[in-house]
């Protein structure tokens, strides 16, 4: 768990938080201001964006945790 905490919030340009913020900024224009994560249907194009994010983020998490094992 410590490795994940270091990855997410280490204050560098390579932190998980920075990676998330960059990804969100790059894709923000594809979402409307009234988009809801908890209600209604989502657009199909959002599925591809979510899958891309999961692949990137999970890949980094796996690489960080495998180094600690």
N, C-alpha and C. Protein backbone atom coordinates (compact mmCIF):
# COMPACT_ATOMS: atom_id res chain seq x y z
N UNK A 1 0.82 -1.18 0.00
CA UNK A 1 0.00 0.00 0.00
C UNK A 1 0.87 1.26 0.00
N UNK A 2 1.99 1.18 0.66
CA UNK A 2 2.90 2.32 0.72
C UNK A 2 3.40 2.71 -0.67
N UNK A 3 3.67 1.70 -1.51
CA UNK A 3 4.15 1.98 -2.86
C UNK A 3 3.09 2.72 -3.66
N UNK A 4 1.82 2.37 -3.47
CA UNK A 4 0.74 3.06 -4.17
C UNK A 4 0.59 4.49 -3.70
N UNK A 5 0.74 4.70 -2.40
CA UNK A 5 0.66 6.06 -1.87
C UNK A 5 1.78 6.92 -2.42
N UNK A 6 2.98 6.36 -2.48
CA UNK A 6 4.12 7.10 -3.04
C UNK A 6 3.90 7.42 -4.51
N UNK A 7 3.36 6.46 -5.23
CA UNK A 7 3.11 6.66 -6.65
C UNK A 7 2.07 7.75 -6.86
N UNK A 8 0.99 7.72 -6.10
CA UNK A 8 -0.10 8.66 -6.36
C UNK A 8 0.25 10.08 -5.93
N UNK A 9 0.91 10.24 -4.84
CA UNK A 9 1.12 11.58 -4.30
C UNK A 9 2.57 11.80 -3.92
N UNK A 10 3.46 11.78 -4.92
CA UNK A 10 4.87 11.95 -4.60
C UNK A 10 5.40 13.34 -4.98
N UNK A 11 4.52 14.21 -5.46
CA UNK A 11 4.91 15.58 -5.75
C UNK A 11 5.67 15.78 -7.04
N UNK A 12 5.84 14.73 -7.82
CA UNK A 12 6.59 14.87 -9.07
C UNK A 12 5.64 14.95 -10.26
N UNK A 13 6.21 15.24 -11.42
CA UNK A 13 5.43 15.26 -12.66
C UNK A 13 5.04 13.86 -13.11
N UNK A 14 5.56 12.86 -12.46
CA UNK A 14 5.26 11.47 -12.81
C UNK A 14 4.34 10.80 -11.78
N UNK A 15 3.77 11.57 -10.90
CA UNK A 15 2.90 11.00 -9.87
C UNK A 15 1.58 10.55 -10.47
N UNK A 16 0.90 9.67 -9.78
CA UNK A 16 -0.41 9.22 -10.21
C UNK A 16 -1.40 10.37 -10.29
N UNK A 17 -1.30 11.27 -9.34
CA UNK A 17 -2.19 12.44 -9.34
C UNK A 17 -1.95 13.30 -10.58
N UNK A 18 -0.70 13.53 -10.91
CA UNK A 18 -0.37 14.32 -12.09
C UNK A 18 -0.83 13.61 -13.36
N UNK A 19 -0.63 12.30 -13.41
CA UNK A 19 -1.06 11.51 -14.56
C UNK A 19 -2.58 11.61 -14.73
N UNK A 20 -3.31 11.49 -13.64
CA UNK A 20 -4.76 11.61 -13.68
C UNK A 20 -5.18 13.00 -14.16
N UNK A 21 -4.57 14.04 -13.61
CA UNK A 21 -4.93 15.41 -13.99
C UNK A 21 -4.64 15.69 -15.46
N UNK A 22 -3.51 15.20 -15.96
CA UNK A 22 -3.17 15.39 -17.37
C UNK A 22 -4.19 14.67 -18.26
N UNK A 23 -4.51 13.43 -17.91
CA UNK A 23 -5.47 12.67 -18.70
C UNK A 23 -6.83 13.35 -18.69
N UNK A 24 -7.26 13.80 -17.53
CA UNK A 24 -8.55 14.48 -17.42
C UNK A 24 -8.57 15.76 -18.24
N UNK A 25 -7.50 16.53 -18.20
CA UNK A 25 -7.43 17.78 -18.98
C UNK A 25 -7.47 17.51 -20.48
N UNK A 26 -6.76 16.47 -20.90
CA UNK A 26 -6.71 16.13 -22.33
C UNK A 26 -8.08 15.69 -22.86
N UNK A 27 -8.90 15.11 -22.01
CA UNK A 27 -10.17 14.54 -22.46
C UNK A 27 -11.40 15.31 -21.97
N UNK A 28 -11.20 16.38 -21.24
CA UNK A 28 -12.31 17.13 -20.65
C UNK A 28 -13.27 17.68 -21.70
N UNK A 29 -12.76 18.03 -22.86
CA UNK A 29 -13.62 18.62 -23.89
C UNK A 29 -14.64 17.62 -24.44
N UNK A 30 -14.43 16.33 -24.20
CA UNK A 30 -15.35 15.31 -24.69
C UNK A 30 -16.56 15.12 -23.78
N UNK A 31 -16.52 15.78 -22.62
CA UNK A 31 -17.59 15.63 -21.64
C UNK A 31 -18.32 16.95 -21.49
N UNK A 32 -19.63 16.88 -21.32
CA UNK A 32 -20.41 18.10 -21.11
C UNK A 32 -20.43 18.43 -19.62
N UNK A 33 -20.72 19.67 -19.30
CA UNK A 33 -20.74 20.10 -17.90
C UNK A 33 -21.83 19.41 -17.10
N UNK A 34 -22.87 18.95 -17.77
CA UNK A 34 -23.95 18.27 -17.05
C UNK A 34 -23.79 16.75 -17.04
N UNK A 35 -22.58 16.27 -17.40
CA UNK A 35 -22.31 14.83 -17.35
C UNK A 35 -22.39 14.34 -15.91
N UNK A 36 -22.92 13.15 -15.74
CA UNK A 36 -23.05 12.58 -14.40
C UNK A 36 -22.44 11.19 -14.36
N UNK A 37 -21.61 10.96 -13.37
CA UNK A 37 -21.02 9.64 -13.19
C UNK A 37 -21.95 8.70 -12.45
N UNK A 38 -23.00 9.24 -11.86
CA UNK A 38 -23.87 8.41 -11.02
C UNK A 38 -25.28 8.22 -11.57
N UNK A 39 -25.64 8.92 -12.62
CA UNK A 39 -27.00 8.78 -13.11
C UNK A 39 -27.10 8.85 -14.61
N UNK A 40 -28.10 8.20 -15.15
CA UNK A 40 -28.33 8.26 -16.58
C UNK A 40 -27.39 7.37 -17.36
N UNK A 41 -27.54 7.44 -18.66
CA UNK A 41 -26.69 6.65 -19.54
C UNK A 41 -25.47 7.45 -19.95
N UNK A 42 -24.39 6.74 -20.20
CA UNK A 42 -23.16 7.37 -20.66
C UNK A 42 -23.02 7.20 -22.16
N UNK A 43 -22.33 8.11 -22.78
CA UNK A 43 -22.08 8.02 -24.21
C UNK A 43 -21.10 6.88 -24.48
N UNK A 44 -21.27 6.22 -25.59
CA UNK A 44 -20.41 5.10 -25.95
C UNK A 44 -18.95 5.53 -26.06
N UNK A 45 -18.70 6.73 -26.57
CA UNK A 45 -17.31 7.19 -26.72
C UNK A 45 -16.61 7.30 -25.36
N UNK A 46 -17.37 7.49 -24.30
CA UNK A 46 -16.78 7.59 -22.97
C UNK A 46 -16.21 6.25 -22.51
N UNK A 47 -16.80 5.16 -22.99
CA UNK A 47 -16.31 3.83 -22.63
C UNK A 47 -14.87 3.65 -23.10
N UNK A 48 -14.60 4.05 -24.32
CA UNK A 48 -13.24 3.92 -24.87
C UNK A 48 -12.25 4.77 -24.08
N UNK A 49 -12.67 5.96 -23.66
CA UNK A 49 -11.80 6.83 -22.87
C UNK A 49 -11.53 6.20 -21.51
N UNK A 50 -12.55 5.65 -20.90
CA UNK A 50 -12.40 4.99 -19.60
C UNK A 50 -11.46 3.80 -19.71
N UNK A 51 -11.63 2.99 -20.75
CA UNK A 51 -10.76 1.83 -20.95
C UNK A 51 -9.31 2.25 -21.16
N UNK A 52 -9.10 3.33 -21.90
CA UNK A 52 -7.74 3.84 -22.11
C UNK A 52 -7.13 4.28 -20.79
N UNK A 53 -7.91 5.01 -19.99
CA UNK A 53 -7.42 5.46 -18.69
C UNK A 53 -7.07 4.26 -17.80
N UNK A 54 -7.97 3.28 -17.75
CA UNK A 54 -7.72 2.09 -16.91
C UNK A 54 -6.44 1.39 -17.32
N UNK A 55 -6.23 1.23 -18.61
CA UNK A 55 -5.03 0.55 -19.11
C UNK A 55 -3.77 1.30 -18.68
N UNK A 56 -3.77 2.61 -18.85
CA UNK A 56 -2.61 3.42 -18.47
C UNK A 56 -2.38 3.38 -16.96
N UNK A 57 -3.42 3.69 -16.20
CA UNK A 57 -3.30 3.80 -14.76
C UNK A 57 -2.97 2.45 -14.11
N UNK A 58 -3.67 1.40 -14.52
CA UNK A 58 -3.41 0.08 -13.97
C UNK A 58 -2.03 -0.42 -14.33
N UNK A 59 -1.55 -0.08 -15.52
CA UNK A 59 -0.19 -0.46 -15.91
C UNK A 59 0.85 0.17 -14.99
N UNK A 60 0.65 1.43 -14.66
CA UNK A 60 1.57 2.10 -13.74
C UNK A 60 1.48 1.50 -12.34
N UNK A 61 0.29 1.22 -11.88
CA UNK A 61 0.11 0.64 -10.55
C UNK A 61 0.78 -0.73 -10.49
N UNK A 62 0.58 -1.55 -11.51
CA UNK A 62 1.20 -2.87 -11.52
C UNK A 62 2.72 -2.78 -11.53
N UNK A 63 3.26 -1.84 -12.29
CA UNK A 63 4.71 -1.73 -12.34
C UNK A 63 5.27 -1.25 -10.99
N UNK A 64 4.56 -0.36 -10.33
CA UNK A 64 5.04 0.15 -9.03
C UNK A 64 4.93 -0.92 -7.94
N UNK A 65 3.85 -1.67 -7.95
CA UNK A 65 3.67 -2.68 -6.90
C UNK A 65 4.57 -3.87 -7.14
N UNK A 66 4.86 -4.21 -8.39
CA UNK A 66 5.73 -5.36 -8.66
C UNK A 66 7.17 -5.06 -8.22
N UNK A 67 7.55 -3.80 -8.22
CA UNK A 67 8.88 -3.43 -7.75
C UNK A 67 9.03 -3.60 -6.24
N UNK A 68 7.93 -3.52 -5.52
CA UNK A 68 7.95 -3.62 -4.07
C UNK A 68 7.87 -5.06 -3.57
N UNK A 69 7.49 -5.99 -4.47
CA UNK A 69 7.31 -7.39 -4.04
C UNK A 69 8.61 -8.13 -4.01
